[in-house]
């Protein structure tokens, strides 16, 4: 395991607090990291909120020391709360404590990256949004407010699909299913609901015991196991529950963290589930076995992990917390097969099969390699016994 703690040039003595972060998968197969942060300048005692984008080096699993591009918010916008990146990597939205949501368009190459900032009219005066999520197919965008208001917008038209003012007491978490058909959401009161994403019809509220609070939710992503993972506080124990989305029944649970979970994430290929705790630990679980593959204690010592997300193309996770900042950590999990390795293996199997067939052909006494010389010498005797091979049957017609 190796971790890279992010730090970037700043005014001497300035206090810096990372509020949120996410990966950006660019069309040119480059991974970037976007961070929402605040910085206090001692000279003026003023606080500045900003968005910064950094390059990622997959060889060293590290971020660039300086941002590729930076945008400072207006003082009236407040601080960044959370970030959601569109699957295309061309857009992301950041919610702020005072100014609703801002849309950022990313364009240009990595060395000349630029941001175009736009307003999102349906969310301009929506108030603080605790949860933001794009659907997997990129056609929908959902927000969950601190005030419990649920909105689902069509993307990129921003047409309002769902506008439910009393969806929850206050939003805690949300996630779209792999087929973008369902939206799961959790509330600060411990309840969890399932919504039809196309029309916002509430399908059901997940069943729970009186001593259970469902806090976080993530859908499986491998396409073969239709599960919903939920972080549940069961009395004084933190467990991870698994629900079958064909029936929405709970099929089991397992204790993976000692302290309550503050954040949850699933890798894009669905093989791994990650949990970050309120005291700065993270654990990475192999979904097929629901066993811990990687554990890091006190990655962010003594504080909740605010952001946790798998890199789109590497076994690396991005984590953020207010005091420890942003970190990228390479995971000690089995390496995945690369595309060229698969093709090389198939080529090797083909060549091995060809060699085996050639050896068999040379050494066998089969129909395809019978001893011609011996048979030609023996054939007259055989013909003399059976008669002329070209003549009629020597036994004559048979009465059946």
Protein backbone atom coordinates (compact mmCIF):
# COMPACT_ATOMS: atom_id res chain seq x y z
CA UNK A 1 0.00 0.00 0.00
CA UNK A 2 1.26 3.48 -0.84
CA UNK A 3 -0.47 6.77 -0.15
CA UNK A 4 0.20 10.20 -1.58
CA UNK A 5 -0.96 13.12 0.52
CA UNK A 6 -1.86 16.09 -1.63
CA UNK A 7 -0.35 19.48 -0.96
CA UNK A 8 -0.14 22.44 -3.26
CA UNK A 9 1.52 25.83 -3.21
CA UNK A 10 -0.39 28.38 -1.17
CA UNK A 11 0.15 31.61 0.65
CA UNK A 12 2.51 31.09 3.59
CA UNK A 13 0.59 30.48 6.78
CA UNK A 14 -2.73 30.06 5.01
CA UNK A 15 -5.20 27.53 6.38
CA UNK A 16 -6.48 25.10 3.77
CA UNK A 17 -9.46 22.78 4.11
CA UNK A 18 -10.53 20.28 1.45
CA UNK A 19 -14.32 19.93 1.47
CA UNK A 20 -14.92 17.43 -1.35
CA UNK A 21 -13.27 15.72 -4.32
CA UNK A 22 -13.87 13.45 -7.28
CA UNK A 23 -12.17 11.83 -10.27
CA UNK A 24 -12.68 13.16 -13.79
CA UNK A 25 -12.30 10.61 -16.59
CA UNK A 26 -11.48 12.64 -19.66
CA UNK A 27 -12.31 11.44 -23.22
CA UNK A 28 -8.59 11.16 -24.06
CA UNK A 29 -8.26 8.44 -21.39
CA UNK A 30 -6.65 10.78 -18.86
CA UNK A 31 -7.69 10.79 -15.20
CA UNK A 32 -7.84 14.09 -13.34
CA UNK A 33 -8.87 15.01 -9.79
CA UNK A 34 -11.16 17.93 -8.94
CA UNK A 35 -11.18 19.33 -5.40
CA UNK A 36 -13.48 21.78 -3.69
CA UNK A 37 -11.66 23.65 -0.92
CA UNK A 38 -11.49 26.74 1.23
CA UNK A 39 -8.42 28.76 2.16
CA UNK A 40 -8.02 31.37 4.88
CA UNK A 41 -5.44 34.10 4.32
CA UNK A 42 -3.91 35.30 7.62
CA UNK A 43 -3.06 38.68 6.11
CA UNK A 44 -6.72 39.55 5.66
CA UNK A 45 -8.45 36.85 7.74
CA UNK A 46 -10.69 36.31 4.75
CA UNK A 47 -11.84 32.93 3.48
CA UNK A 48 -11.69 32.04 -0.19
CA UNK A 49 -13.54 29.02 -1.68
CA UNK A 50 -12.23 27.51 -4.89
CA UNK A 51 -12.33 24.62 -7.34
CA UNK A 52 -8.97 23.19 -8.42
CA UNK A 53 -8.18 20.41 -10.92
CA UNK A 54 -5.00 18.35 -10.71
CA UNK A 55 -3.36 15.85 -13.03
CA UNK A 56 -2.81 12.26 -11.88
CA UNK A 57 0.35 10.23 -12.56
CA UNK A 58 -0.58 6.52 -12.66
CA UNK A 59 3.06 5.39 -12.36
CA UNK A 60 3.68 7.11 -9.04
CA UNK A 61 0.01 7.23 -7.97
CA UNK A 62 0.34 10.92 -7.19
CA UNK A 63 -1.23 14.26 -8.02
CA UNK A 64 0.52 17.22 -9.57
CA UNK A 65 1.96 19.72 -7.10
CA UNK A 66 0.14 22.62 -8.77
CA UNK A 67 -3.40 22.78 -10.15
CA UNK A 68 -3.96 22.70 -13.90
CA UNK A 69 -6.79 25.20 -13.52
CA UNK A 70 -8.43 27.05 -10.65
CA UNK A 71 -11.73 28.86 -10.16
CA UNK A 72 -12.57 31.01 -7.13
CA UNK A 73 -16.15 31.30 -5.98
CA UNK A 74 -17.82 34.57 -5.15
CA UNK A 75 -17.96 35.32 -1.44
CA UNK A 76 -21.75 35.13 -1.60
CA UNK A 77 -21.60 31.53 -2.88
CA UNK A 78 -20.22 30.17 0.38
CA UNK A 79 -18.18 26.95 0.63
CA UNK A 80 -18.30 23.91 -1.69
CA UNK A 81 -20.26 20.97 -0.28
CA UNK A 82 -20.07 18.12 -2.80
CA UNK A 83 -19.17 17.42 -6.43
CA UNK A 84 -20.70 15.14 -9.08
CA UNK A 85 -18.91 14.48 -12.40
CA UNK A 86 -20.79 13.56 -15.58
CA UNK A 87 -19.74 10.13 -16.99
CA UNK A 88 -18.41 11.84 -20.14
CA UNK A 89 -15.89 13.82 -18.08
CA UNK A 90 -16.89 17.02 -19.88
CA UNK A 91 -18.99 18.51 -17.07
CA UNK A 92 -19.26 18.52 -13.31
CA UNK A 93 -21.55 20.22 -10.81
CA UNK A 94 -20.57 21.59 -7.42
CA UNK A 95 -23.10 22.48 -4.74
CA UNK A 96 -22.28 25.37 -2.41
CA UNK A 97 -23.49 26.37 1.03
CA UNK A 98 -25.12 29.62 -0.14
CA UNK A 99 -25.23 29.77 -3.92
CA UNK A 100 -27.09 26.66 -5.04
CA UNK A 101 -25.24 24.64 -7.70
CA UNK A 102 -22.63 25.68 -10.28
CA UNK A 103 -22.07 23.87 -13.58
CA UNK A 104 -18.46 23.62 -14.80
CA UNK A 105 -17.67 22.68 -18.40
CA UNK A 106 -14.18 21.21 -18.85
CA UNK A 107 -12.50 21.68 -22.20
CA UNK A 108 -9.01 21.70 -23.67
CA UNK A 109 -6.13 19.27 -23.32
CA UNK A 110 -4.53 18.43 -19.99
CA UNK A 111 -1.74 20.97 -20.47
CA UNK A 112 -4.18 23.75 -21.44
CA UNK A 113 -7.25 22.93 -19.42
CA UNK A 114 -10.00 25.52 -19.05
CA UNK A 115 -13.24 25.83 -17.11
CA UNK A 116 -16.43 27.50 -18.23
CA UNK A 117 -18.75 28.27 -15.31
CA UNK A 118 -22.51 28.34 -15.79
CA UNK A 119 -25.59 28.64 -13.64
CA UNK A 120 -28.09 25.79 -13.29
CA UNK A 121 -31.44 27.68 -13.39
CA UNK A 122 -33.58 24.98 -11.69
CA UNK A 123 -31.06 24.85 -8.81
CA UNK A 124 -29.95 28.47 -8.63
CA UNK A 125 -31.94 29.23 -5.47
CA UNK A 126 -32.41 25.66 -4.29
CA UNK A 127 -30.33 26.06 -1.15
CA UNK A 128 -27.59 23.69 0.05
CA UNK A 129 -27.64 20.31 -1.69
CA UNK A 130 -26.18 17.48 0.39
CA UNK A 131 -26.26 14.87 -2.41
CA UNK A 132 -25.56 15.09 -6.14
CA UNK A 133 -25.58 12.16 -8.59
CA UNK A 134 -25.51 11.57 -12.34
CA UNK A 135 -27.12 8.43 -13.72
CA UNK A 136 -24.73 5.86 -15.18
CA UNK A 137 -25.94 6.55 -18.73
CA UNK A 138 -25.56 10.30 -18.17
CA UNK A 139 -29.17 11.12 -19.06
CA UNK A 140 -30.32 12.21 -15.58
CA UNK A 141 -29.03 14.33 -12.74
CA UNK A 142 -30.41 14.12 -9.20
CA UNK A 143 -30.03 16.36 -6.16
CA UNK A 144 -31.00 15.81 -2.55
CA UNK A 145 -31.27 18.91 -0.38
CA UNK A 146 -30.51 19.53 3.25
CA UNK A 147 -34.20 20.47 3.40
CA UNK A 148 -35.26 17.00 2.13
CA UNK A 149 -36.16 18.20 -1.38
CA UNK A 150 -35.58 15.72 -4.24
CA UNK A 151 -35.08 16.92 -7.79
CA UNK A 152 -34.31 14.80 -10.87
CA UNK A 153 -33.40 16.68 -14.04
CA UNK A 154 -33.07 15.50 -17.62
CA UNK A 155 -29.51 15.99 -18.88
CA UNK A 156 -28.37 18.11 -20.63
CA UNK A 157 -31.71 19.88 -21.23
CA UNK A 158 -32.21 20.46 -17.45
CA UNK A 159 -35.90 19.70 -17.84
CA UNK A 160 -37.38 18.91 -14.43
CA UNK A 161 -38.53 15.28 -14.22
CA UNK A 162 -39.13 15.07 -10.47
CA UNK A 163 -39.70 17.88 -7.97
CA UNK A 164 -40.60 16.31 -4.62
CA UNK A 165 -40.35 18.75 -1.74
CA UNK A 166 -40.94 16.23 1.05
CA UNK A 167 -38.92 13.24 -0.05
CA UNK A 168 -36.98 13.02 3.23
CA UNK A 169 -36.49 14.86 6.48
CA UNK A 170 -32.97 15.70 5.22
CA UNK A 171 -30.90 13.85 2.63
CA UNK A 172 -27.93 11.73 3.71
CA UNK A 173 -26.94 9.82 0.55
CA UNK A 174 -28.17 8.76 -2.92
CA UNK A 175 -27.15 6.58 -5.87
CA UNK A 176 -28.47 5.51 -9.31
CA UNK A 177 -28.68 1.85 -10.33
CA UNK A 178 -26.47 0.53 -13.13
CA UNK A 179 -29.34 0.57 -15.65
CA UNK A 180 -30.33 4.10 -14.50
CA UNK A 181 -33.84 2.81 -13.73
CA UNK A 182 -33.81 3.28 -9.95
CA UNK A 183 -32.62 5.91 -7.50
CA UNK A 184 -31.91 4.94 -3.89
CA UNK A 185 -31.78 7.62 -1.19
CA UNK A 186 -31.22 7.71 2.55
CA UNK A 187 -32.28 10.22 5.17
CA UNK A 188 -30.78 11.57 8.37
CA UNK A 189 -33.67 9.92 10.24
CA UNK A 190 -32.39 6.47 9.20
CA UNK A 191 -34.93 5.66 6.49
CA UNK A 192 -34.16 4.68 2.88
CA UNK A 193 -36.42 4.93 -0.16
CA UNK A 194 -36.37 3.58 -3.70
CA UNK A 195 -37.58 5.80 -6.55
CA UNK A 196 -38.46 5.16 -10.20
CA UNK A 197 -35.97 7.45 -11.90
CA UNK A 198 -38.02 8.12 -15.04
CA UNK A 199 -41.03 9.61 -13.24
CA UNK A 200 -40.08 9.88 -9.59
CA UNK A 201 -42.69 7.45 -8.36
CA UNK A 202 -41.64 6.16 -4.90
CA UNK A 203 -41.52 2.36 -5.21
CA UNK A 204 -40.95 1.51 -1.56
CA UNK A 205 -39.25 2.24 1.73
CA UNK A 206 -36.64 -0.34 2.70
CA UNK A 207 -37.60 -2.44 5.71
CA UNK A 208 -35.54 -1.97 8.88
CA UNK A 209 -35.74 -2.82 12.55
CA UNK A 210 -36.48 -0.21 15.17
CA UNK A 211 -32.82 -0.12 16.26
CA UNK A 212 -31.47 0.25 12.69
CA UNK A 213 -30.55 3.41 10.77
CA UNK A 214 -29.77 3.06 7.05
CA UNK A 215 -27.17 5.72 6.38
CA UNK A 216 -25.42 5.10 3.04
CA UNK A 217 -26.37 3.32 -0.20
CA UNK A 218 -24.60 2.11 -3.34
CA UNK A 219 -25.80 -0.15 -6.18
CA UNK A 220 -23.65 -3.00 -7.50
CA UNK A 221 -21.91 -2.21 -10.79
CA UNK A 222 -20.83 -5.49 -12.39
CA UNK A 223 -24.10 -6.10 -14.25
CA UNK A 224 -24.58 -9.68 -13.00
CA UNK A 225 -25.46 -9.24 -9.33
CA UNK A 226 -28.42 -6.86 -8.84
CA UNK A 227 -27.66 -5.78 -5.29
CA UNK A 228 -27.97 -2.63 -3.21
CA UNK A 229 -25.34 -2.18 -0.51
CA UNK A 230 -26.29 -0.13 2.54
CA UNK A 231 -24.26 1.01 5.52
CA UNK A 232 -26.49 0.41 8.54
CA UNK A 233 -26.01 1.47 12.13
CA UNK A 234 -27.51 -1.37 14.14
CA UNK A 235 -27.54 -0.26 17.75
CA UNK A 236 -23.88 0.40 18.54
CA UNK A 237 -22.65 -1.79 15.68
CA UNK A 238 -21.87 -0.70 12.11
CA UNK A 239 -22.84 -3.33 9.54
CA UNK A 240 -23.07 -3.50 5.76
CA UNK A 241 -26.39 -4.89 4.53
CA UNK A 242 -27.10 -6.33 1.09
CA UNK A 243 -30.52 -6.06 -0.60
CA UNK A 244 -31.73 -7.98 -3.66
CA UNK A 245 -33.12 -5.32 -6.00
CA UNK A 246 -35.48 -7.78 -7.70
CA UNK A 247 -37.46 -8.06 -4.44
CA UNK A 248 -35.87 -5.31 -2.30
CA UNK A 249 -35.51 -7.84 0.48
CA UNK A 250 -32.42 -7.90 2.67
CA UNK A 251 -30.42 -11.07 2.02
CA UNK A 252 -27.76 -10.60 4.68
CA UNK A 253 -25.37 -8.30 6.48
CA UNK A 254 -21.77 -8.30 7.68
CA UNK A 255 -19.70 -6.21 10.07
CA UNK A 256 -16.78 -4.67 8.17
CA UNK A 257 -15.97 -1.51 10.15
CA UNK A 258 -15.66 -0.95 13.88
CA UNK A 259 -16.76 2.69 13.77
CA UNK A 260 -19.76 3.98 11.77
CA UNK A 261 -19.27 4.53 8.05
CA UNK A 262 -19.14 8.10 6.76
CA UNK A 263 -18.86 7.34 3.04
CA UNK A 264 -19.26 4.40 0.64
CA UNK A 265 -18.10 3.71 -2.92
CA UNK A 266 -18.17 0.90 -5.53
CA UNK A 267 -15.53 0.46 -8.24
CA UNK A 268 -16.69 0.97 -11.83
CA UNK A 269 -16.23 -2.73 -12.65
CA UNK A 270 -18.20 -3.72 -9.54
CA UNK A 271 -15.47 -5.93 -8.08
CA UNK A 272 -14.76 -3.88 -4.98
CA UNK A 273 -16.75 -2.02 -2.34
CA UNK A 274 -15.01 0.60 -0.18
CA UNK A 275 -16.09 2.09 3.15
CA UNK A 276 -14.63 5.08 4.97
CA UNK A 277 -15.22 5.48 8.70
CA UNK A 278 -15.88 8.41 11.00
CA UNK A 279 -12.42 8.03 12.55
CA UNK A 280 -10.47 8.02 9.27
CA UNK A 281 -10.14 4.28 8.47
CA UNK A 282 -10.97 2.74 5.11
CA UNK A 283 -11.60 -0.86 4.15
CA UNK A 284 -11.90 -2.32 0.65
CA UNK A 285 -14.05 -5.43 0.22
CA UNK A 286 -14.06 -7.99 -2.58
CA UNK A 287 -17.73 -8.13 -3.54
CA UNK A 288 -17.81 -11.79 -4.66
CA UNK A 289 -16.71 -13.00 -1.22
CA UNK A 290 -17.67 -9.98 0.90
CA UNK A 291 -14.25 -10.26 2.52
CA UNK A 292 -11.85 -7.41 3.30
CA UNK A 293 -9.03 -7.23 0.75
CA UNK A 294 -7.40 -4.03 1.97
CA UNK A 295 -7.51 -2.19 5.28
CA UNK A 296 -5.91 1.15 6.16
CA UNK A 297 -6.20 2.37 9.72
CA UNK A 298 -6.16 6.11 10.42
CA UNK A 299 -5.59 7.15 6.83
CA UNK A 300 -7.20 10.43 7.91
CA UNK A 301 -6.51 10.27 11.67
CA UNK A 302 -9.40 11.10 13.96
CA UNK A 303 -11.77 12.69 11.43
CA UNK A 304 -14.55 11.49 9.12
CA UNK A 305 -13.67 10.73 5.53
CA UNK A 306 -15.75 13.11 3.43
CA UNK A 307 -15.02 11.76 -0.07
CA UNK A 308 -14.10 8.25 -1.19
CA UNK A 309 -13.97 7.25 -4.84
CA UNK A 310 -12.24 4.62 -6.97
CA UNK A 311 -10.04 5.74 -9.84
CA UNK A 312 -11.78 4.92 -13.16
CA UNK A 313 -8.85 2.89 -14.54
CA UNK A 314 -6.49 2.07 -11.65
CA UNK A 315 -6.75 0.23 -8.33
CA UNK A 316 -6.36 3.57 -6.58
CA UNK A 317 -8.79 5.45 -4.32
CA UNK A 318 -9.18 9.17 -3.71
CA UNK A 319 -10.09 10.22 -0.18
CA UNK A 320 -10.60 13.65 1.37
CA UNK A 321 -11.16 15.08 4.82
CA UNK A 322 -11.30 18.59 6.16
CA UNK A 323 -7.98 18.63 8.03
CA UNK A 324 -5.90 15.90 6.34
CA UNK A 325 -6.79 17.13 2.85
CA UNK A 326 -6.81 14.90 -0.23
CA UNK A 327 -4.99 11.60 -0.57
CA UNK A 328 -4.60 9.03 -3.35
CA UNK A 329 -3.87 5.49 -2.18
CA UNK A 330 -2.75 2.53 -4.26
CA UNK A 331 -4.55 -0.61 -3.11
CA UNK A 332 -2.96 -3.97 -2.33
CA UNK A 333 -5.43 -6.04 -4.32
CA UNK A 334 -4.83 -8.56 -7.16
CA UNK A 335 -3.92 -6.84 -10.41
CA UNK A 336 -6.46 -6.92 -13.22
CA UNK A 337 -5.75 -8.44 -16.59
CA UNK A 338 -4.87 -5.85 -19.22
CA UNK A 339 -6.39 -6.13 -22.69
CA UNK A 340 -3.03 -6.91 -24.32
CA UNK A 341 -2.40 -9.65 -21.73
CA UNK A 342 -5.70 -11.32 -22.63
CA UNK A 343 -4.85 -11.26 -26.35
CA UNK A 344 -1.36 -12.61 -25.61
CA UNK A 345 -2.83 -15.47 -23.58
CA UNK A 346 -5.27 -16.35 -26.39
CA UNK A 347 -2.41 -16.29 -28.91
CA UNK A 348 -0.36 -18.57 -26.67
CA UNK A 349 -3.25 -21.04 -26.36
CA UNK A 350 -3.69 -21.04 -30.16
CA UNK A 351 0.02 -21.72 -30.77
CA UNK A 352 0.09 -24.45 -28.13
CA UNK A 353 -2.94 -26.12 -29.74
CA UNK A 354 -1.29 -25.94 -33.15
CA UNK A 355 1.91 -27.58 -31.83
CA UNK A 356 -0.04 -30.37 -30.12
CA UNK A 357 -2.00 -31.03 -33.32
CA UNK A 358 1.20 -31.11 -35.40
CA UNK A 359 2.90 -33.59 -33.05
CA UNK A 360 -0.21 -35.78 -33.04
CA UNK A 361 -0.33 -35.66 -36.83
CA UNK A 362 3.31 -36.76 -37.16
CA UNK A 363 3.23 -39.56 -34.59
CA UNK A 364 -0.24 -41.05 -35.01
CA UNK A 365 -1.26 -43.95 -37.28
CA UNK A 366 -4.63 -42.50 -38.06
CA UNK A 367 -6.64 -42.29 -41.24
CA UNK A 368 -4.83 -39.04 -42.09
CA UNK A 369 -1.38 -40.67 -41.82
CA UNK A 370 -1.73 -44.36 -42.73
CA UNK A 371 1.35 -46.29 -44.08
CA UNK A 372 0.82 -46.12 -47.84
CA UNK A 373 3.69 -48.42 -48.89
CA UNK A 374 2.67 -51.33 -46.73
CA UNK A 375 -0.97 -51.10 -47.76
CA UNK A 376 -0.13 -51.03 -51.45
CA UNK A 377 1.92 -54.21 -51.05
CA UNK A 378 -0.79 -55.96 -49.08
CA UNK A 379 -3.65 -54.89 -51.28
CA UNK A 380 -3.37 -57.60 -54.02
CA UNK A 381 -3.82 -60.31 -51.41
CA UNK A 382 -6.80 -58.50 -50.01
CA UNK A 383 -8.30 -58.10 -53.49
CA UNK A 384 -7.72 -61.73 -54.32
CA UNK A 385 -9.69 -62.75 -51.26
CA UNK A 386 -12.57 -60.29 -51.73
CA UNK A 387 -12.56 -60.14 -55.49
CA UNK A 388 -12.40 -57.12 -57.74
CA UNK A 389 -13.14 -54.03 -55.74
CA UNK A 390 -14.83 -52.50 -58.78
CA UNK A 391 -17.03 -55.55 -59.49
CA UNK A 392 -20.42 -56.27 -58.04
CA UNK A 393 -20.83 -57.67 -54.56
CA UNK A 394 -19.22 -61.19 -54.49
CA UNK A 395 -21.95 -62.37 -52.17
CA UNK A 396 -24.62 -61.53 -54.75
CA UNK A 397 -28.04 -60.10 -53.95
CA UNK A 398 -29.36 -60.80 -50.47
CA UNK A 399 -32.94 -61.74 -49.77
CA UNK A 400 -33.96 -59.45 -46.88
